[in-house]
Amino acid sequence: MNLPNAITLFRILLIPVFMTFLLGAIPYGAAFAVGTFVLAAASDSLDGYFARRRREVTTLGAFLDPLADKLLVSAALLALVQLGKLSAWVAMVIIAREFAVSGLRMVAAAENVVISASPWGKVKTAAQMVAIVALIIEPGWSVWGVRLSAVVVGLAVLLTLGSGIDYFVRARDSLRMPATEREDGGEAGGS
């Protein structure tokens, strides 16, 4: 296993550690959870950096890296819902977008179409990470009666939806059904 993939695997292995700190009755658990989460989030940049620098980009890494991001964010969101710090609908919107974009990319791959990563995806991920940390520490800061963590979460949701729409718009032309299939009723696809 190369270094970038080992870093990605390490990020995945940090998820249960993060969850234990966040959900367990551990003194200073929230602080340890934030530290673990930030370490896991920072490793996302490291694995990509080393993969490109060392020319060790692999199919396994291309699969594991986005999976690790989705697992980390999804686990954090579900834990925050369980703790009553986040509305379930917010978690559902973010997780549903991840499933939708992953599904879109799988369909595209089956058609030998590559949908490149969106620059908005990185911004979205960063906003989600900041929102998660803000919700864990929840300092209660507010401006004009609005909690800053709520503003950060709202921004993360907007970026999540916007980047998802961006993927579908960019894929639209690449994945159009040929005219002959449309005339036959489009029976080639599933649900």
N, C-alpha and C. Protein backbone atom coordinates (compact mmCIF):
# COMPACT_ATOMS: atom_id res chain seq x y z
N MET A 1 0.86 -1.18 0.00
CA MET A 1 0.00 0.00 0.00
C MET A 1 0.90 1.23 0.00
N ASN A 2 0.59 2.18 -0.87
CA ASN A 2 1.41 3.39 -0.94
C ASN A 2 1.02 4.38 0.16
N LEU A 3 1.84 5.41 0.34
CA LEU A 3 1.63 6.38 1.41
C LEU A 3 0.30 7.12 1.29
N PRO A 4 -0.08 7.63 0.11
CA PRO A 4 -1.37 8.33 0.02
C PRO A 4 -2.55 7.45 0.43
N ASN A 5 -2.55 6.19 0.00
CA ASN A 5 -3.65 5.30 0.37
C ASN A 5 -3.63 4.98 1.85
N ALA A 6 -2.43 4.88 2.44
CA ALA A 6 -2.33 4.64 3.88
C ALA A 6 -2.89 5.83 4.66
N ILE A 7 -2.64 7.04 4.18
CA ILE A 7 -3.18 8.24 4.84
C ILE A 7 -4.71 8.23 4.75
N THR A 8 -5.23 7.86 3.59
CA THR A 8 -6.69 7.80 3.42
C THR A 8 -7.29 6.75 4.35
N LEU A 9 -6.65 5.59 4.43
CA LEU A 9 -7.13 4.53 5.32
C LEU A 9 -7.08 5.00 6.78
N PHE A 10 -6.02 5.72 7.14
CA PHE A 10 -5.90 6.29 8.48
C PHE A 10 -7.09 7.22 8.76
N ARG A 11 -7.48 8.02 7.77
CA ARG A 11 -8.63 8.92 7.93
C ARG A 11 -9.89 8.12 8.22
N ILE A 12 -10.08 7.03 7.52
CA ILE A 12 -11.26 6.18 7.76
C ILE A 12 -11.21 5.59 9.16
N LEU A 13 -10.03 5.15 9.59
CA LEU A 13 -9.89 4.56 10.92
C LEU A 13 -10.08 5.58 12.04
N LEU A 14 -9.90 6.86 11.74
CA LEU A 14 -10.13 7.90 12.75
C LEU A 14 -11.62 8.13 13.01
N ILE A 15 -12.49 7.69 12.12
CA ILE A 15 -13.93 7.96 12.27
C ILE A 15 -14.48 7.35 13.56
N PRO A 16 -14.24 6.06 13.86
CA PRO A 16 -14.78 5.55 15.13
C PRO A 16 -14.15 6.21 16.36
N VAL A 17 -12.91 6.63 16.25
CA VAL A 17 -12.26 7.35 17.35
C VAL A 17 -12.98 8.68 17.57
N PHE A 18 -13.22 9.40 16.48
CA PHE A 18 -13.96 10.67 16.54
C PHE A 18 -15.33 10.47 17.16
N MET A 19 -16.05 9.44 16.70
CA MET A 19 -17.40 9.17 17.20
C MET A 19 -17.39 8.84 18.69
N THR A 20 -16.40 8.08 19.12
CA THR A 20 -16.29 7.74 20.54
C THR A 20 -16.10 8.99 21.38
N PHE A 21 -15.21 9.86 20.94
CA PHE A 21 -15.00 11.11 21.68
C PHE A 21 -16.26 11.97 21.69
N LEU A 22 -16.94 12.06 20.56
CA LEU A 22 -18.09 12.95 20.45
C LEU A 22 -19.30 12.43 21.21
N LEU A 23 -19.56 11.14 21.12
CA LEU A 23 -20.78 10.58 21.71
C LEU A 23 -20.58 9.96 23.09
N GLY A 24 -19.33 9.64 23.43
CA GLY A 24 -19.07 9.01 24.72
C GLY A 24 -19.06 10.03 25.85
N ALA A 25 -19.28 9.52 27.04
CA ALA A 25 -19.24 10.37 28.24
C ALA A 25 -17.78 10.46 28.70
N ILE A 26 -17.00 11.18 27.93
CA ILE A 26 -15.56 11.29 28.17
C ILE A 26 -15.24 12.72 28.55
N PRO A 27 -14.49 12.91 29.65
CA PRO A 27 -14.10 14.29 29.98
C PRO A 27 -13.36 14.93 28.80
N TYR A 28 -13.74 16.13 28.47
CA TYR A 28 -13.17 16.88 27.34
C TYR A 28 -13.38 16.16 26.01
N GLY A 29 -14.43 15.35 25.95
CA GLY A 29 -14.71 14.58 24.74
C GLY A 29 -14.90 15.45 23.52
N ALA A 30 -15.60 16.58 23.67
CA ALA A 30 -15.82 17.46 22.52
C ALA A 30 -14.51 18.02 21.99
N ALA A 31 -13.60 18.37 22.90
CA ALA A 31 -12.30 18.90 22.47
C ALA A 31 -11.50 17.83 21.73
N PHE A 32 -11.51 16.61 22.27
CA PHE A 32 -10.81 15.52 21.60
C PHE A 32 -11.48 15.18 20.26
N ALA A 33 -12.81 15.28 20.23
CA ALA A 33 -13.53 15.02 18.98
C ALA A 33 -13.14 16.04 17.92
N VAL A 34 -13.08 17.31 18.30
CA VAL A 34 -12.68 18.35 17.35
C VAL A 34 -11.26 18.10 16.86
N GLY A 35 -10.35 17.78 17.77
CA GLY A 35 -8.96 17.50 17.37
C GLY A 35 -8.87 16.34 16.41
N THR A 36 -9.60 15.27 16.70
CA THR A 36 -9.60 14.10 15.83
C THR A 36 -10.21 14.42 14.47
N PHE A 37 -11.30 15.17 14.50
CA PHE A 37 -11.97 15.55 13.25
C PHE A 37 -11.07 16.43 12.40
N VAL A 38 -10.43 17.40 13.01
CA VAL A 38 -9.53 18.30 12.27
C VAL A 38 -8.35 17.51 11.69
N LEU A 39 -7.81 16.57 12.47
CA LEU A 39 -6.73 15.72 11.97
C LEU A 39 -7.20 14.91 10.76
N ALA A 40 -8.38 14.32 10.87
CA ALA A 40 -8.92 13.53 9.75
C ALA A 40 -9.16 14.42 8.53
N ALA A 41 -9.73 15.60 8.76
CA ALA A 41 -10.01 16.52 7.65
C ALA A 41 -8.71 16.98 6.99
N ALA A 42 -7.69 17.27 7.80
CA ALA A 42 -6.41 17.73 7.26
C ALA A 42 -5.73 16.63 6.44
N SER A 43 -5.94 15.38 6.84
CA SER A 43 -5.32 14.28 6.10
C SER A 43 -5.86 14.18 4.68
N ASP A 44 -7.04 14.76 4.44
CA ASP A 44 -7.62 14.77 3.10
C ASP A 44 -6.72 15.52 2.12
N SER A 45 -6.14 16.61 2.57
CA SER A 45 -5.23 17.37 1.70
C SER A 45 -3.91 16.64 1.53
N LEU A 46 -3.46 15.99 2.59
CA LEU A 46 -2.17 15.30 2.54
C LEU A 46 -2.16 14.14 1.56
N ASP A 47 -3.21 13.32 1.57
CA ASP A 47 -3.18 12.16 0.69
C ASP A 47 -3.14 12.57 -0.78
N GLY A 48 -3.92 13.58 -1.13
CA GLY A 48 -3.91 14.07 -2.50
C GLY A 48 -2.58 14.69 -2.89
N TYR A 49 -2.00 15.44 -1.96
CA TYR A 49 -0.71 16.07 -2.21
C TYR A 49 0.36 15.01 -2.49
N PHE A 50 0.43 14.01 -1.62
CA PHE A 50 1.45 12.97 -1.80
C PHE A 50 1.18 12.11 -3.03
N ALA A 51 -0.09 11.87 -3.33
CA ALA A 51 -0.41 11.06 -4.52
C ALA A 51 0.08 11.76 -5.79
N ARG A 52 -0.14 13.07 -5.86
CA ARG A 52 0.30 13.81 -7.05
C ARG A 52 1.82 13.99 -7.06
N ARG A 53 2.38 14.37 -5.93
CA ARG A 53 3.82 14.64 -5.88
C ARG A 53 4.65 13.39 -6.15
N ARG A 54 4.21 12.26 -5.60
CA ARG A 54 4.96 11.01 -5.75
C ARG A 54 4.49 10.20 -6.95
N ARG A 55 3.54 10.75 -7.69
CA ARG A 55 2.96 10.06 -8.85
C ARG A 55 2.44 8.68 -8.46
N GLU A 56 1.68 8.68 -7.37
CA GLU A 56 1.11 7.44 -6.86
C GLU A 56 -0.42 7.50 -6.85
N VAL A 57 -0.97 8.09 -7.88
CA VAL A 57 -2.42 8.13 -8.01
C VAL A 57 -2.87 6.74 -8.44
N THR A 58 -3.76 6.13 -7.65
CA THR A 58 -4.21 4.77 -7.94
C THR A 58 -5.74 4.73 -8.03
N THR A 59 -6.23 3.66 -8.63
CA THR A 59 -7.68 3.45 -8.69
C THR A 59 -8.23 3.29 -7.28
N LEU A 60 -7.51 2.56 -6.43
CA LEU A 60 -7.94 2.39 -5.04
C LEU A 60 -8.03 3.73 -4.34
N GLY A 61 -7.02 4.57 -4.52
CA GLY A 61 -7.03 5.89 -3.90
C GLY A 61 -8.16 6.76 -4.42
N ALA A 62 -8.41 6.68 -5.72
CA ALA A 62 -9.50 7.47 -6.32
C ALA A 62 -10.85 7.03 -5.77
N PHE A 63 -10.96 5.77 -5.36
CA PHE A 63 -12.19 5.27 -4.75
C PHE A 63 -12.25 5.62 -3.26
N LEU A 64 -11.15 5.35 -2.54
CA LEU A 64 -11.14 5.52 -1.08
C LEU A 64 -11.22 6.97 -0.63
N ASP A 65 -10.56 7.88 -1.35
CA ASP A 65 -10.50 9.28 -0.89
C ASP A 65 -11.88 9.92 -0.77
N PRO A 66 -12.70 9.91 -1.83
CA PRO A 66 -14.03 10.50 -1.66
C PRO A 66 -14.91 9.70 -0.70
N LEU A 67 -14.70 8.37 -0.64
CA LEU A 67 -15.46 7.56 0.31
C LEU A 67 -15.13 7.98 1.74
N ALA A 68 -13.85 8.18 2.02
CA ALA A 68 -13.44 8.60 3.36
C ALA A 68 -14.07 9.94 3.74
N ASP A 69 -14.09 10.87 2.79
CA ASP A 69 -14.72 12.18 3.05
C ASP A 69 -16.20 12.01 3.38
N LYS A 70 -16.89 11.20 2.59
CA LYS A 70 -18.33 11.02 2.78
C LYS A 70 -18.61 10.31 4.10
N LEU A 71 -17.80 9.31 4.44
CA LEU A 71 -17.99 8.61 5.71
C LEU A 71 -17.76 9.53 6.90
N LEU A 72 -16.70 10.33 6.83
CA LEU A 72 -16.38 11.24 7.93
C LEU A 72 -17.48 12.27 8.13
N VAL A 73 -17.90 12.91 7.06
CA VAL A 73 -18.93 13.93 7.16
C VAL A 73 -20.27 13.32 7.57
N SER A 74 -20.63 12.19 6.98
CA SER A 74 -21.91 11.55 7.32
C SER A 74 -21.94 11.12 8.78
N ALA A 75 -20.85 10.52 9.26
CA ALA A 75 -20.79 10.11 10.66
C ALA A 75 -20.93 11.31 11.59
N ALA A 76 -20.24 12.39 11.26
CA ALA A 76 -20.32 13.59 12.09
C ALA A 76 -21.73 14.17 12.09
N LEU A 77 -22.35 14.23 10.92
CA LEU A 77 -23.70 14.79 10.83
C LEU A 77 -24.70 13.95 11.63
N LEU A 78 -24.60 12.63 11.49
CA LEU A 78 -25.53 11.76 12.22
C LEU A 78 -25.32 11.88 13.73
N ALA A 79 -24.07 11.99 14.16
CA ALA A 79 -23.79 12.17 15.59
C ALA A 79 -24.35 13.49 16.09
N LEU A 80 -24.21 14.54 15.29
CA LEU A 80 -24.73 15.85 15.68
C LEU A 80 -26.26 15.85 15.75
N VAL A 81 -26.90 15.09 14.87
CA VAL A 81 -28.36 14.94 14.95
C VAL A 81 -28.71 14.22 16.26
N GLN A 82 -27.98 13.15 16.55
CA GLN A 82 -28.23 12.38 17.77
C GLN A 82 -28.05 13.25 19.01
N LEU A 83 -27.09 14.15 18.99
CA LEU A 83 -26.84 15.04 20.12
C LEU A 83 -27.81 16.21 20.19
N GLY A 84 -28.66 16.35 19.17
CA GLY A 84 -29.61 17.45 19.14
C GLY A 84 -29.01 18.78 18.74
N LYS A 85 -27.84 18.74 18.10
CA LYS A 85 -27.17 19.97 17.68
C LYS A 85 -27.43 20.32 16.22
N LEU A 86 -28.09 19.42 15.50
CA LEU A 86 -28.34 19.62 14.07
C LEU A 86 -29.69 19.02 13.72
N SER A 87 -30.44 19.72 12.89
CA SER A 87 -31.72 19.20 12.43
C SER A 87 -31.48 18.04 11.47
N ALA A 88 -32.32 17.03 11.58
CA ALA A 88 -32.17 15.85 10.73
C ALA A 88 -32.28 16.20 9.26
N TRP A 89 -33.12 17.18 8.91
CA TRP A 89 -33.30 17.52 7.49
C TRP A 89 -32.01 18.06 6.89
N VAL A 90 -31.21 18.78 7.69
CA VAL A 90 -29.94 19.31 7.18
C VAL A 90 -29.00 18.15 6.86
N ALA A 91 -28.90 17.20 7.79
CA ALA A 91 -28.06 16.03 7.56
C ALA A 91 -28.55 15.27 6.33
N MET A 92 -29.85 15.13 6.20
CA MET A 92 -30.43 14.39 5.07
C MET A 92 -30.12 15.07 3.74
N VAL A 93 -30.22 16.38 3.68
CA VAL A 93 -29.91 17.11 2.45
C VAL A 93 -28.46 16.87 2.04
N ILE A 94 -27.56 16.99 3.00
CA ILE A 94 -26.13 16.84 2.70
C ILE A 94 -25.81 15.41 2.29
N ILE A 95 -26.32 14.44 3.03
CA ILE A 95 -26.04 13.04 2.72
C ILE A 95 -26.70 12.64 1.40
N ALA A 96 -27.91 13.11 1.15
CA ALA A 96 -28.60 12.79 -0.11
C ALA A 96 -27.82 13.34 -1.31
N ARG A 97 -27.26 14.53 -1.18
CA ARG A 97 -26.46 15.10 -2.27
C ARG A 97 -25.26 14.20 -2.54
N GLU A 98 -24.62 13.69 -1.48
CA GLU A 98 -23.45 12.83 -1.66
C GLU A 98 -23.84 11.56 -2.41
N PHE A 99 -24.98 10.95 -2.02
CA PHE A 99 -25.45 9.75 -2.73
C PHE A 99 -25.78 10.07 -4.18
N ALA A 100 -26.45 11.18 -4.41
CA ALA A 100 -26.86 11.55 -5.77
C ALA A 100 -25.65 11.76 -6.68
N VAL A 101 -24.66 12.50 -6.20
CA VAL A 101 -23.47 12.76 -7.02
C VAL A 101 -22.67 11.48 -7.22
N SER A 102 -22.56 10.65 -6.18
CA SER A 102 -21.86 9.37 -6.34
C SER A 102 -22.57 8.49 -7.36
N GLY A 103 -23.90 8.46 -7.29
CA GLY A 103 -24.67 7.69 -8.26
C GLY A 103 -24.49 8.21 -9.67
N LEU A 104 -24.51 9.52 -9.81
CA LEU A 104 -24.29 10.14 -11.12
C LEU A 104 -22.93 9.74 -11.68
N ARG A 105 -21.91 9.78 -10.84
CA ARG A 105 -20.57 9.43 -11.31
C ARG A 105 -20.47 7.95 -11.68
N MET A 106 -21.21 7.09 -10.96
CA MET A 106 -21.21 5.66 -11.31
C MET A 106 -21.89 5.44 -12.66
N VAL A 107 -23.01 6.12 -12.88
CA VAL A 107 -23.70 6.01 -14.17
C VAL A 107 -22.78 6.51 -15.28
N ALA A 108 -22.13 7.62 -15.05
CA ALA A 108 -21.21 8.17 -16.05
C ALA A 108 -20.08 7.19 -16.33
N ALA A 109 -19.52 6.61 -15.29
CA ALA A 109 -18.42 5.66 -15.47
C ALA A 109 -18.88 4.45 -16.29
N ALA A 110 -20.10 4.00 -16.06
CA ALA A 110 -20.64 2.88 -16.84
C ALA A 110 -20.77 3.23 -18.31
N GLU A 111 -20.93 4.51 -18.60
CA GLU A 111 -21.02 4.99 -19.98
C GLU A 111 -19.66 5.47 -20.51
N ASN A 112 -18.60 5.17 -19.77
CA ASN A 112 -17.24 5.61 -20.11
C ASN A 112 -17.12 7.12 -20.18
N VAL A 113 -17.88 7.80 -19.34
CA VAL A 113 -17.83 9.25 -19.25
C VAL A 113 -17.21 9.60 -17.91
N VAL A 114 -16.22 10.46 -17.94
CA VAL A 114 -15.59 10.91 -16.70
C VAL A 114 -16.14 12.28 -16.35
N ILE A 115 -16.69 12.39 -15.16
CA ILE A 115 -17.14 13.68 -14.66
C ILE A 115 -16.08 14.14 -13.68
N SER A 116 -15.30 15.11 -14.10
CA SER A 116 -14.19 15.56 -13.26
C SER A 116 -14.72 16.22 -11.99
N ALA A 117 -13.87 16.20 -10.98
CA ALA A 117 -14.23 16.82 -9.71
C ALA A 117 -14.48 18.31 -9.92
N SER A 118 -15.47 18.79 -9.23
CA SER A 118 -15.82 20.21 -9.32
C SER A 118 -15.01 21.00 -8.31
N PRO A 119 -14.51 22.16 -8.70
CA PRO A 119 -13.83 23.00 -7.69
C PRO A 119 -14.79 23.36 -6.56
N TRP A 120 -16.08 23.42 -6.87
CA TRP A 120 -17.07 23.69 -5.83
C TRP A 120 -17.12 22.56 -4.81
N GLY A 121 -16.76 21.37 -5.23
CA GLY A 121 -16.76 20.23 -4.31
C GLY A 121 -15.79 20.43 -3.16
N LYS A 122 -14.61 20.96 -3.46
CA LYS A 122 -13.63 21.23 -2.41
C LYS A 122 -14.12 22.32 -1.47
N VAL A 123 -14.73 23.36 -2.04
CA VAL A 123 -15.27 24.45 -1.22
C VAL A 123 -16.39 23.92 -0.34
N LYS A 124 -17.24 23.09 -0.93
CA LYS A 124 -18.35 22.48 -0.19
C LYS A 124 -17.84 21.65 0.97
N THR A 125 -16.83 20.82 0.71
CA THR A 125 -16.27 19.97 1.76
C THR A 125 -15.68 20.82 2.88
N ALA A 126 -14.95 21.87 2.53
CA ALA A 126 -14.38 22.76 3.55
C ALA A 126 -15.48 23.41 4.38
N ALA A 127 -16.54 23.87 3.73
CA ALA A 127 -17.65 24.50 4.46
C ALA A 127 -18.33 23.50 5.39
N GLN A 128 -18.48 22.26 4.92
CA GLN A 128 -19.08 21.23 5.78
C GLN A 128 -18.20 20.97 7.00
N MET A 129 -16.90 20.89 6.79
CA MET A 129 -15.97 20.63 7.89
C MET A 129 -16.02 21.76 8.92
N VAL A 130 -16.02 23.00 8.45
CA VAL A 130 -16.10 24.15 9.36
C VAL A 130 -17.42 24.14 10.11
N ALA A 131 -18.50 23.83 9.42
CA ALA A 131 -19.82 23.79 10.06
C ALA A 131 -19.86 22.72 11.15
N ILE A 132 -19.28 21.57 10.87
CA ILE A 132 -19.27 20.48 11.86
C ILE A 132 -18.49 20.89 13.10
N VAL A 133 -17.32 21.48 12.90
CA VAL A 133 -16.52 21.94 14.05
C VAL A 133 -17.29 23.01 14.82
N ALA A 134 -17.92 23.94 14.11
CA ALA A 134 -18.69 25.00 14.77
C ALA A 134 -19.83 24.41 15.61
N LEU A 135 -20.47 23.38 15.10
CA LEU A 135 -21.57 22.76 15.85
C LEU A 135 -21.07 21.98 17.06
N ILE A 136 -19.90 21.37 16.94
CA ILE A 136 -19.36 20.62 18.08
C ILE A 136 -18.99 21.57 19.21
N ILE A 137 -18.27 22.64 18.87
CA ILE A 137 -17.83 23.55 19.94
C ILE A 137 -18.91 24.53 20.35
N GLU A 138 -19.83 24.84 19.44
CA GLU A 138 -20.99 25.72 19.68
C GLU A 138 -20.72 26.79 20.74
N PRO A 139 -19.94 27.79 20.38
CA PRO A 139 -19.62 28.82 21.38
C PRO A 139 -20.80 29.73 21.71
N GLY A 140 -21.87 29.62 20.95
CA GLY A 140 -23.04 30.45 21.22
C GLY A 140 -22.92 31.88 20.71
N TRP A 141 -21.93 32.14 19.87
CA TRP A 141 -21.77 33.48 19.32
C TRP A 141 -22.94 33.79 18.40
N SER A 142 -23.41 35.02 18.48
CA SER A 142 -24.49 35.41 17.59
C SER A 142 -24.31 36.86 17.16
N VAL A 143 -24.86 37.14 16.01
CA VAL A 143 -24.87 38.49 15.47
C VAL A 143 -26.32 38.80 15.13
N TRP A 144 -26.83 39.88 15.68
CA TRP A 144 -28.22 40.27 15.46
C TRP A 144 -29.19 39.13 15.77
N GLY A 145 -28.85 38.37 16.80
CA GLY A 145 -29.73 37.29 17.24
C GLY A 145 -29.62 36.00 16.45
N VAL A 146 -28.70 35.93 15.50
CA VAL A 146 -28.52 34.72 14.70
C VAL A 146 -27.22 34.05 15.13
N ARG A 147 -27.33 32.77 15.51
CA ARG A 147 -26.13 32.02 15.91
C ARG A 147 -25.19 31.88 14.71
N LEU A 148 -23.91 32.13 14.92
CA LEU A 148 -22.95 32.03 13.82
C LEU A 148 -22.85 30.59 13.30
N SER A 149 -23.00 29.62 14.20
CA SER A 149 -22.96 28.23 13.73
C SER A 149 -24.11 27.96 12.75
N ALA A 150 -25.27 28.58 12.97
CA ALA A 150 -26.40 28.42 12.05
C ALA A 150 -26.08 29.03 10.69
N VAL A 151 -25.37 30.15 10.69
CA VAL A 151 -24.97 30.79 9.43
C VAL A 151 -24.00 29.89 8.68
N VAL A 152 -23.03 29.33 9.40
CA VAL A 152 -22.04 28.45 8.76
C VAL A 152 -22.72 27.20 8.22
N VAL A 153 -23.65 26.64 8.98
CA VAL A 153 -24.39 25.46 8.51
C VAL A 153 -25.21 25.82 7.27
N GLY A 154 -25.88 26.96 7.29
CA GLY A 154 -26.66 27.40 6.13
C GLY A 154 -25.79 27.55 4.90
N LEU A 155 -24.62 28.13 5.07
CA LEU A 155 -23.68 28.28 3.96
C LEU A 155 -23.24 26.90 3.44
N ALA A 156 -22.97 25.98 4.35
CA ALA A 156 -22.56 24.63 3.95
C ALA A 156 -23.67 23.95 3.15
N VAL A 157 -24.92 24.12 3.58
CA VAL A 157 -26.05 23.52 2.86
C VAL A 157 -26.17 24.12 1.46
N LEU A 158 -26.06 25.45 1.36
CA LEU A 158 -26.15 26.10 0.04
C LEU A 158 -25.03 25.64 -0.89
N LEU A 159 -23.80 25.55 -0.37
CA LEU A 159 -22.68 25.09 -1.18
C LEU A 159 -22.84 23.62 -1.56
N THR A 160 -23.39 22.83 -0.64
CA THR A 160 -23.64 21.42 -0.92
C THR A 160 -24.63 21.28 -2.08
N LEU A 161 -25.73 22.00 -2.00
CA LEU A 161 -26.73 21.94 -3.07
C LEU A 161 -26.18 22.52 -4.38
N GLY A 162 -25.49 23.64 -4.29
CA GLY A 162 -24.93 24.27 -5.49
C GLY A 162 -23.92 23.40 -6.19
N SER A 163 -23.04 22.75 -5.42
CA SER A 163 -22.03 21.89 -6.05
C SER A 163 -22.69 20.65 -6.64
N GLY A 164 -23.75 20.16 -6.00
CA GLY A 164 -24.49 19.02 -6.56
C GLY A 164 -25.14 19.38 -7.88
N ILE A 165 -25.77 20.54 -7.92
CA ILE A 165 -26.39 21.02 -9.17
C ILE A 165 -25.32 21.18 -10.25
N ASP A 166 -24.15 21.69 -9.87
CA ASP A 166 -23.05 21.86 -10.81
C ASP A 166 -22.67 20.53 -11.45
N TYR A 167 -22.57 19.47 -10.65
CA TYR A 167 -22.24 18.15 -11.20
C TYR A 167 -23.28 17.71 -12.23
N PHE A 168 -24.56 17.86 -11.88
CA PHE A 168 -25.61 17.41 -12.79
C PHE A 168 -25.66 18.25 -14.06
N VAL A 169 -25.44 19.54 -13.96
CA VAL A 169 -25.43 20.40 -15.15
C VAL A 169 -24.26 20.02 -16.06
N ARG A 170 -23.08 19.80 -15.46
CA ARG A 170 -21.92 19.45 -16.28
C ARG A 170 -22.06 18.07 -16.90
N ALA A 171 -22.81 17.18 -16.25
CA ALA A 171 -22.97 15.82 -16.77
C ALA A 171 -24.10 15.72 -17.79
N ARG A 172 -24.98 16.70 -17.79
CA ARG A 172 -26.19 16.64 -18.61
C ARG A 172 -25.88 16.31 -20.07
N ASP A 173 -24.99 17.05 -20.69
CA ASP A 173 -24.71 16.84 -22.11
C ASP A 173 -23.98 15.52 -22.35
N SER A 174 -23.12 15.14 -21.43
CA SER A 174 -22.34 13.91 -21.59
C SER A 174 -23.20 12.67 -21.49
N LEU A 175 -24.28 12.75 -20.73
CA LEU A 175 -25.08 11.56 -20.47
C LEU A 175 -26.42 11.55 -21.19
N ARG A 176 -26.58 12.42 -22.16
CA ARG A 176 -27.84 12.44 -22.92
C ARG A 176 -28.02 11.12 -23.65
N MET A 177 -29.28 10.65 -23.67
CA MET A 177 -29.61 9.44 -24.41
C MET A 177 -29.51 9.70 -25.90
N PRO A 178 -28.93 8.78 -26.67
CA PRO A 178 -28.94 8.95 -28.12
C PRO A 178 -30.38 9.00 -28.63
N ALA A 179 -30.58 9.70 -29.74
CA ALA A 179 -31.92 9.90 -30.29
C ALA A 179 -32.64 8.58 -30.55
N THR A 180 -31.93 7.55 -31.01
CA THR A 180 -32.57 6.27 -31.31
C THR A 180 -33.16 5.64 -30.05
N GLU A 181 -32.50 5.77 -28.91
CA GLU A 181 -33.04 5.22 -27.66
C GLU A 181 -34.26 6.01 -27.22
N ARG A 182 -34.25 7.32 -27.40
CA ARG A 182 -35.40 8.14 -27.00
C ARG A 182 -36.62 7.76 -27.83
N GLU A 183 -36.40 7.50 -29.13
CA GLU A 183 -37.52 7.15 -30.01
C GLU A 183 -38.09 5.78 -29.66
N ASP A 184 -37.22 4.88 -29.13
CA ASP A 184 -37.66 3.53 -28.75
C ASP A 184 -38.31 3.51 -27.37
N GLY A 185 -38.41 4.64 -26.74
CA GLY A 185 -39.04 4.70 -25.43
C GLY A 185 -38.06 4.70 -24.28
N GLY A 186 -36.77 4.71 -24.59
CA GLY A 186 -35.76 4.80 -23.53
C GLY A 186 -35.74 3.60 -22.61
N GLU A 187 -35.94 2.39 -23.15
CA GLU A 187 -36.02 1.19 -22.33
C GLU A 187 -34.66 0.73 -21.81
N ALA A 188 -33.58 1.40 -22.17
CA ALA A 188 -32.25 0.92 -21.80
C ALA A 188 -31.95 1.08 -20.32
N GLY A 189 -32.56 2.03 -19.65
CA GLY A 189 -32.20 2.32 -18.27
C GLY A 189 -33.07 1.61 -17.27
N GLY A 190 -32.67 1.71 -16.00
CA GLY A 190 -33.44 1.14 -14.90
C GLY A 190 -34.23 2.22 -14.23
N SER A 191 -34.41 2.04 -12.95
CA SER A 191 -35.19 3.00 -12.17
C SER A 191 -34.42 4.27 -12.04
